[in-house]
Amino acid sequence: MARYKDYNYDQLKLLPISFSRQILPGTFEYTLSHIVDHELNLSAFDARFNNDETGAPAYAPAILLKIVLYACARGITSSREIEQCCRENVIFMALSADSQPHFTTIANFISSMREEIEPLFLEVLLICDEMDLIGKEMFAIDGCKLPSNASREWSGAKAELANKVGKMQGAIRYIMRKHREEDERGQPSEHRNKEAQQADTLRSQVKKIKAWLKDHDDKPGKNGGARKSNITDNDSAKMKTGHGVLQGYDGVAAVDARHQVVVHAAAFGEAPSYTAPGRAAQE
């Protein structure tokens, strides 16, 4: 009869961990940590805080930048997953010095990096150039469609959105007329509360669209016509993909051929004019 080693999940084992020894030379995390600590100028982040005299200490930008970049390199984009990794993954623990930032802190840091990210990207490219990682001979350009945090149902030209307002107002009038008729008959509908809530929602949406129409004009199209706007994210656009139409952006990146270093990246709220994505471009 076969015999197996005994095992027991109800046991405790204490392991002493030196976080500095978890970041080993030659690894991606070691390079990342070194560049953030010794090569990048993070002083631009200091302007975010005014807590030198009052207020709680903030998480160091270097710590947040390390865990966010390391997470992206591992295909992790959710701030909740990054928070979990900082509690459970020893490499994330080491990079964050076991500070365990909350996911809201991580999400706020990522979403507010708009002004600082471009100078940091340029600094990294200069470091890559100093290390002769950029060949400057062949660049591949490719793109992918990225959804925005906006519904395509809120898209349209000004005339279409104005027509949408008219339909919503007609629906509100219908609900109100129906309620008055039920009151006159003395037979209120059992769905009356739900319908009243629907009318309130429509009023709120009408107010939102009218405010947008007051302050915005149509986006000019290529042939002199109007492109569809979006009242939630007007920089985005409707785009065709292999999985249908989405409201979002076309993310385009240029990659150097020598070591696949990304030398430029941008997101456009319209489909690009090039016809062969992925085709190498020589300079």
Foldseek 3Di string as FASTA:
>chain_A
DDDDDDDDPPDDDDDDDDLVVVLDPPDPLVVLLCCLVPQDDPVVVVVVDDDPPHDDDDQDPSLLVSLCVVCVVVVHDQLQVSLVCCVPPSNNVSSNVSPRDHSVSSVVSVVPCVVPPVVRLVSVVVVCVVVVQFPQFKKAKFKDWDFDPAFCVQKFALVVLVVVLVVLVVLLVVLVVVQVVCVVVVHGDPCNVVSVVVSVVSVVVSVLSVVQSVPDHFPADPVRDGFMAGSVDRQAHWDQDPVGIHTGWMKMWMFGDRNRHTPDIDTGRDDDPDDDHRDMDGD
